[in-house]
């Protein structure tokens, strides 16, 4: 039962990382899958290397 709960949490965090990476113009699929598989390594690396969000144009 603990494994199922852990996978659900990892999948939810992976989905959030995927969405965030896509909004920043990065490869969301890669970062999401990496986060699900090896969260303890991939999540800190993603938080360090992620690009800033593109600014909304004021035109």
PDB file of N, CA and C in Angstrom:
ATOM      1  N   UNK A   1       0.815  -1.205   0.000  1.00  0.00           N
ATOM      2  CA  UNK A   1       0.000   0.000   0.000  1.00  0.00           C
ATOM      3  C   UNK A   1       0.856   1.265   0.000  1.00  0.00           C
ATOM      4  N   UNK A   2       2.001   1.211   0.722  1.00  0.00           N
ATOM      5  CA  UNK A   2       2.870   2.379   0.778  1.00  0.00           C
ATOM      6  C   UNK A   2       3.462   2.695  -0.588  1.00  0.00           C
ATOM      7  N   UNK A   3       3.746   1.643  -1.374  1.00  0.00           N
ATOM      8  CA  UNK A   3       4.312   1.850  -2.700  1.00  0.00           C
ATOM      9  C   UNK A   3       3.325   2.559  -3.622  1.00  0.00           C
ATOM     10  N   UNK A   4       2.075   2.212  -3.498  1.00  0.00           N
ATOM     11  CA  UNK A   4       1.055   2.849  -4.330  1.00  0.00           C
ATOM     12  C   UNK A   4       0.929   4.325  -3.973  1.00  0.00           C
ATOM     13  N   UNK A   5       0.905   4.618  -2.690  1.00  0.00           N
ATOM     14  CA  UNK A   5       0.818   6.016  -2.257  1.00  0.00           C
ATOM     15  C   UNK A   5       2.048   6.795  -2.710  1.00  0.00           C
ATOM     16  N   UNK A   6       3.228   6.192  -2.622  1.00  0.00           N
ATOM     17  CA  UNK A   6       4.453   6.844  -3.070  1.00  0.00           C
ATOM     18  C   UNK A   6       4.441   7.122  -4.561  1.00  0.00           C
ATOM     19  N   UNK A   7       3.946   6.162  -5.343  1.00  0.00           N
ATOM     20  CA  UNK A   7       3.878   6.369  -6.788  1.00  0.00           C
ATOM     21  C   UNK A   7       2.875   7.458  -7.146  1.00  0.00           C
ATOM     22  N   UNK A   8       1.755   7.504  -6.441  1.00  0.00           N
ATOM     23  CA  UNK A   8       0.756   8.545  -6.708  1.00  0.00           C
ATOM     24  C   UNK A   8       1.336   9.927  -6.400  1.00  0.00           C
ATOM     25  N   UNK A   9       2.057  10.049  -5.316  1.00  0.00           N
ATOM     26  CA  UNK A   9       2.687  11.332  -4.972  1.00  0.00           C
ATOM     27  C   UNK A   9       3.734  11.701  -6.012  1.00  0.00           C
ATOM     28  N   UNK A  10       4.565  10.726  -6.418  1.00  0.00           N
ATOM     29  CA  UNK A  10       5.594  10.986  -7.427  1.00  0.00           C
ATOM     30  C   UNK A  10       4.963  11.387  -8.758  1.00  0.00           C
ATOM     31  N   UNK A  11       3.863  10.746  -9.134  1.00  0.00           N
ATOM     32  CA  UNK A  11       3.186  11.079 -10.388  1.00  0.00           C
ATOM     33  C   UNK A  11       2.590  12.485 -10.333  1.00  0.00           C
ATOM     34  N   UNK A  12       2.041  12.861  -9.192  1.00  0.00           N
ATOM     35  CA  UNK A  12       1.471  14.201  -9.062  1.00  0.00           C
ATOM     36  C   UNK A  12       2.561  15.267  -9.149  1.00  0.00           C
ATOM     37  N   UNK A  13       3.682  15.042  -8.499  1.00  0.00           N
ATOM     38  CA  UNK A  13       4.791  15.996  -8.576  1.00  0.00           C
ATOM     39  C   UNK A  13       5.365  16.015  -9.988  1.00  0.00           C
ATOM     40  N   UNK A  14       5.460  14.857 -10.625  1.00  0.00           N
ATOM     41  CA  UNK A  14       5.927  14.789 -12.009  1.00  0.00           C
ATOM     42  C   UNK A  14       5.022  15.558 -12.956  1.00  0.00           C
ATOM     43  N   UNK A  15       3.717  15.493 -12.732  1.00  0.00           N
ATOM     44  CA  UNK A  15       2.774  16.248 -13.566  1.00  0.00           C
ATOM     45  C   UNK A  15       2.963  17.751 -13.372  1.00  0.00           C
ATOM     46  N   UNK A  16       3.192  18.166 -12.139  1.00  0.00           N
ATOM     47  CA  UNK A  16       3.432  19.596 -11.875  1.00  0.00           C
ATOM     48  C   UNK A  16       4.722  20.067 -12.531  1.00  0.00           C
ATOM     49  N   UNK A  17       5.760  19.249 -12.461  1.00  0.00           N
ATOM     50  CA  UNK A  17       7.038  19.593 -13.089  1.00  0.00           C
ATOM     51  C   UNK A  17       6.869  19.647 -14.606  1.00  0.00           C
ATOM     52  N   UNK A  18       6.131  18.701 -15.176  1.00  0.00           N
ATOM     53  CA  UNK A  18       5.890  18.703 -16.622  1.00  0.00           C
ATOM     54  C   UNK A  18       5.209  19.989 -17.057  1.00  0.00           C
ATOM     55  N   UNK A  19       4.169  20.378 -16.356  1.00  0.00           N
ATOM     56  CA  UNK A  19       3.430  21.595 -16.691  1.00  0.00           C
ATOM     57  C   UNK A  19       4.314  22.831 -16.558  1.00  0.00           C
ATOM     58  N   UNK A  20       5.104  22.891 -15.486  1.00  0.00           N
ATOM     59  CA  UNK A  20       5.978  24.035 -15.262  1.00  0.00           C
ATOM     60  C   UNK A  20       7.067  24.105 -16.328  1.00  0.00           C
ATOM     61  N   UNK A  21       7.677  22.962 -16.656  1.00  0.00           N
ATOM     62  CA  UNK A  21       8.733  22.954 -17.670  1.00  0.00           C
ATOM     63  C   UNK A  21       8.190  23.375 -19.027  1.00  0.00           C
ATOM     64  N   UNK A  22       7.003  22.901 -19.385  1.00  0.00           N
ATOM     65  CA  UNK A  22       6.405  23.306 -20.663  1.00  0.00           C
ATOM     66  C   UNK A  22       6.142  24.803 -20.696  1.00  0.00           C
ATOM     67  N   UNK A  23       5.700  25.378 -19.591  1.00  0.00           N
ATOM     68  CA  UNK A  23       5.414  26.816 -19.563  1.00  0.00           C
ATOM     69  C   UNK A  23       6.687  27.647 -19.659  1.00  0.00           C
ATOM     70  N   UNK A  24       7.828  27.033 -19.340  1.00  0.00           N
ATOM     71  CA  UNK A  24       9.105  27.735 -19.412  1.00  0.00           C
ATOM     72  C   UNK A  24       9.859  27.433 -20.697  1.00  0.00           C
ATOM     73  N   UNK A  25       9.248  26.721 -21.633  1.00  0.00           N
ATOM     74  CA  UNK A  25       9.882  26.415 -22.910  1.00  0.00           C
ATOM     75  C   UNK A  25      10.915  25.308 -22.829  1.00  0.00           C
ATOM     76  N   UNK A  26      10.801  24.450 -21.822  1.00  0.00           N
ATOM     77  CA  UNK A  26      11.728  23.335 -21.658  1.00  0.00           C
ATOM     78  C   UNK A  26      11.023  22.043 -22.048  1.00  0.00           C
ATOM     79  N   UNK A  27      11.758  20.943 -22.078  1.00  0.00           N
ATOM     80  CA  UNK A  27      11.206  19.649 -22.436  1.00  0.00           C
ATOM     81  C   UNK A  27      10.451  19.071 -21.238  1.00  0.00           C
ATOM     82  N   UNK A  28       9.168  19.316 -21.174  1.00  0.00           N
ATOM     83  CA  UNK A  28       8.358  18.899 -20.038  1.00  0.00           C
ATOM     84  C   UNK A  28       8.256  17.400 -19.882  1.00  0.00           C
ATOM     85  N   UNK A  29       8.161  16.678 -20.988  1.00  0.00           N
ATOM     86  CA  UNK A  29       8.036  15.222 -20.917  1.00  0.00           C
ATOM     87  C   UNK A  29       9.280  14.612 -20.264  1.00  0.00           C
ATOM     88  N   UNK A  30      10.460  15.073 -20.674  1.00  0.00           N
ATOM     89  CA  UNK A  30      11.703  14.557 -20.089  1.00  0.00           C
ATOM     90  C   UNK A  30      11.757  14.825 -18.592  1.00  0.00           C
ATOM     91  N   UNK A  31      11.496  16.067 -18.192  1.00  0.00           N
ATOM     92  CA  UNK A  31      11.601  16.423 -16.776  1.00  0.00           C
ATOM     93  C   UNK A  31      10.532  15.725 -15.942  1.00  0.00           C
ATOM     94  N   UNK A  32       9.331  15.566 -16.478  1.00  0.00           N
ATOM     95  CA  UNK A  32       8.276  14.878 -15.734  1.00  0.00           C
ATOM     96  C   UNK A  32       8.588  13.417 -15.500  1.00  0.00           C
ATOM     97  N   UNK A  33       9.023  12.729 -16.558  1.00  0.00           N
ATOM     98  CA  UNK A  33       9.356  11.303 -16.427  1.00  0.00           C
ATOM     99  C   UNK A  33      10.569  11.128 -15.524  1.00  0.00           C
ATOM    100  N   UNK A  34      11.563  11.989 -15.676  1.00  0.00           N
ATOM    101  CA  UNK A  34      12.743  11.903 -14.810  1.00  0.00           C
ATOM    102  C   UNK A  34      12.362  12.085 -13.352  1.00  0.00           C
ATOM    103  N   UNK A  35      11.465  13.022 -13.094  1.00  0.00           N
ATOM    104  CA  UNK A  35      11.046  13.279 -11.720  1.00  0.00           C
ATOM    105  C   UNK A  35      10.303  12.076 -11.138  1.00  0.00           C
ATOM    106  N   UNK A  36       9.463  11.449 -11.925  1.00  0.00           N
ATOM    107  CA  UNK A  36       8.738  10.278 -11.432  1.00  0.00           C
ATOM    108  C   UNK A  36       9.707   9.135 -11.125  1.00  0.00           C
ATOM    109  N   UNK A  37      10.680   8.922 -12.002  1.00  0.00           N
ATOM    110  CA  UNK A  37      11.569   7.774 -11.845  1.00  0.00           C
ATOM    111  C   UNK A  37      12.621   7.969 -10.758  1.00  0.00           C
ATOM    112  N   UNK A  38      13.261   9.116 -10.720  1.00  0.00           N
ATOM    113  CA  UNK A  38      14.333   9.356  -9.742  1.00  0.00           C
ATOM    114  C   UNK A  38      14.164  10.735  -9.123  1.00  0.00           C
ATOM    115  N   UNK A  39      13.095  10.894  -8.379  1.00  0.00           N
ATOM    116  CA  UNK A  39      12.719  12.202  -7.845  1.00  0.00           C
ATOM    117  C   UNK A  39      13.812  12.823  -6.986  1.00  0.00           C
ATOM    118  N   UNK A  40      14.495  12.039  -6.175  1.00  0.00           N
ATOM    119  CA  UNK A  40      15.464  12.594  -5.240  1.00  0.00           C
ATOM    120  C   UNK A  40      16.635  13.258  -5.966  1.00  0.00           C
ATOM    121  N   UNK A  41      16.872  12.888  -7.229  1.00  0.00           N
ATOM    122  CA  UNK A  41      17.950  13.486  -8.014  1.00  0.00           C
ATOM    123  C   UNK A  41      17.394  14.514  -9.003  1.00  0.00           C
ATOM    124  N   UNK A  42      16.355  14.145  -9.737  1.00  0.00           N
ATOM    125  CA  UNK A  42      15.861  14.975 -10.839  1.00  0.00           C
ATOM    126  C   UNK A  42      15.185  16.257 -10.371  1.00  0.00           C
ATOM    127  N   UNK A  43      14.436  16.219  -9.298  1.00  0.00           N
ATOM    128  CA  UNK A  43      13.716  17.416  -8.848  1.00  0.00           C
ATOM    129  C   UNK A  43      14.676  18.537  -8.427  1.00  0.00           C
ATOM    130  N   UNK A  44      15.694  18.266  -7.610  1.00  0.00           N
ATOM    131  CA  UNK A  44      16.619  19.359  -7.291  1.00  0.00           C
ATOM    132  C   UNK A  44      17.363  19.886  -8.521  1.00  0.00           C
ATOM    133  N   UNK A  45      17.752  18.992  -9.433  1.00  0.00           N
ATOM    134  CA  UNK A  45      18.432  19.447 -10.648  1.00  0.00           C
ATOM    135  C   UNK A  45      17.512  20.335 -11.463  1.00  0.00           C
ATOM    136  N   UNK A  46      16.249  19.939 -11.607  1.00  0.00           N
ATOM    137  CA  UNK A  46      15.299  20.759 -12.363  1.00  0.00           C
ATOM    138  C   UNK A  46      15.137  22.140 -11.719  1.00  0.00           C
ATOM    139  N   UNK A  47      15.024  22.184 -10.418  1.00  0.00           N
ATOM    140  CA  UNK A  47      14.838  23.464  -9.735  1.00  0.00           C
ATOM    141  C   UNK A  47      16.050  24.379  -9.897  1.00  0.00           C
ATOM    142  N   UNK A  48      17.228  23.799 -10.094  1.00  0.00           N
ATOM    143  CA  UNK A  48      18.432  24.607 -10.295  1.00  0.00           C
ATOM    144  C   UNK A  48      18.544  25.099 -11.736  1.00  0.00           C
ATOM    145  N   UNK A  49      18.255  24.244 -12.717  1.00  0.00           N
ATOM    146  CA  UNK A  49      18.521  24.589 -14.115  1.00  0.00           C
ATOM    147  C   UNK A  49      17.320  25.172 -14.863  1.00  0.00           C
ATOM    148  N   UNK A  50      16.165  25.246 -14.232  1.00  0.00           N
ATOM    149  CA  UNK A  50      14.998  25.709 -14.974  1.00  0.00           C
ATOM    150  C   UNK A  50      15.154  27.154 -15.426  1.00  0.00           C
ATOM    151  N   UNK A  51      14.563  27.417 -16.581  1.00  0.00           N
ATOM    152  CA  UNK A  51      14.629  28.742 -17.183  1.00  0.00           C
ATOM    153  C   UNK A  51      13.600  29.653 -16.534  1.00  0.00           C
ATOM    154  N   UNK A  52      13.829  30.968 -16.587  1.00  0.00           N
ATOM    155  CA  UNK A  52      12.804  31.876 -16.073  1.00  0.00           C
ATOM    156  C   UNK A  52      11.574  31.848 -16.971  1.00  0.00           C
ATOM    157  N   UNK A  53      10.441  32.173 -16.393  1.00  0.00           N
ATOM    158  CA  UNK A  53       9.205  32.210 -17.186  1.00  0.00           C
ATOM    159  C   UNK A  53       9.266  33.358 -18.188  1.00  0.00           C
ATOM    160  N   UNK A  54       8.764  33.117 -19.392  1.00  0.00           N
ATOM    161  CA  UNK A  54       8.732  34.219 -20.364  1.00  0.00           C
ATOM    162  C   UNK A  54       7.781  35.312 -19.895  1.00  0.00           C
ATOM    163  N   UNK A  55       8.204  36.542 -20.071  1.00  0.00           N
ATOM    164  CA  UNK A  55       7.381  37.685 -19.668  1.00  0.00           C
ATOM    165  C   UNK A  55       6.237  37.866 -20.656  1.00  0.00           C
ATOM    166  N   UNK A  56       5.088  38.217 -20.139  1.00  0.00           N
ATOM    167  CA  UNK A  56       3.933  38.516 -21.004  1.00  0.00           C
ATOM    168  C   UNK A  56       4.160  39.861 -21.675  1.00  0.00           C
ATOM    169  N   UNK A  57       3.884  39.906 -22.959  1.00  0.00           N
ATOM    170  CA  UNK A  57       4.100  41.181 -23.676  1.00  0.00           C
ATOM    171  C   UNK A  57       3.028  42.180 -23.277  1.00  0.00           C
ATOM    172  N   UNK A  58       3.418  43.425 -23.151  1.00  0.00           N
ATOM    173  CA  UNK A  58       2.487  44.478 -22.720  1.00  0.00           C
ATOM    174  C   UNK A  58       1.991  45.303 -23.895  1.00  0.00           C
ATOM    175  N   UNK A  59       2.030  44.739 -25.104  1.00  0.00           N
ATOM    176  CA  UNK A  59       1.601  45.475 -26.305  1.00  0.00           C
ATOM    177  C   UNK A  59       0.128  45.408 -26.462  1.00  0.00           C
TER     178      UNK A  59
END
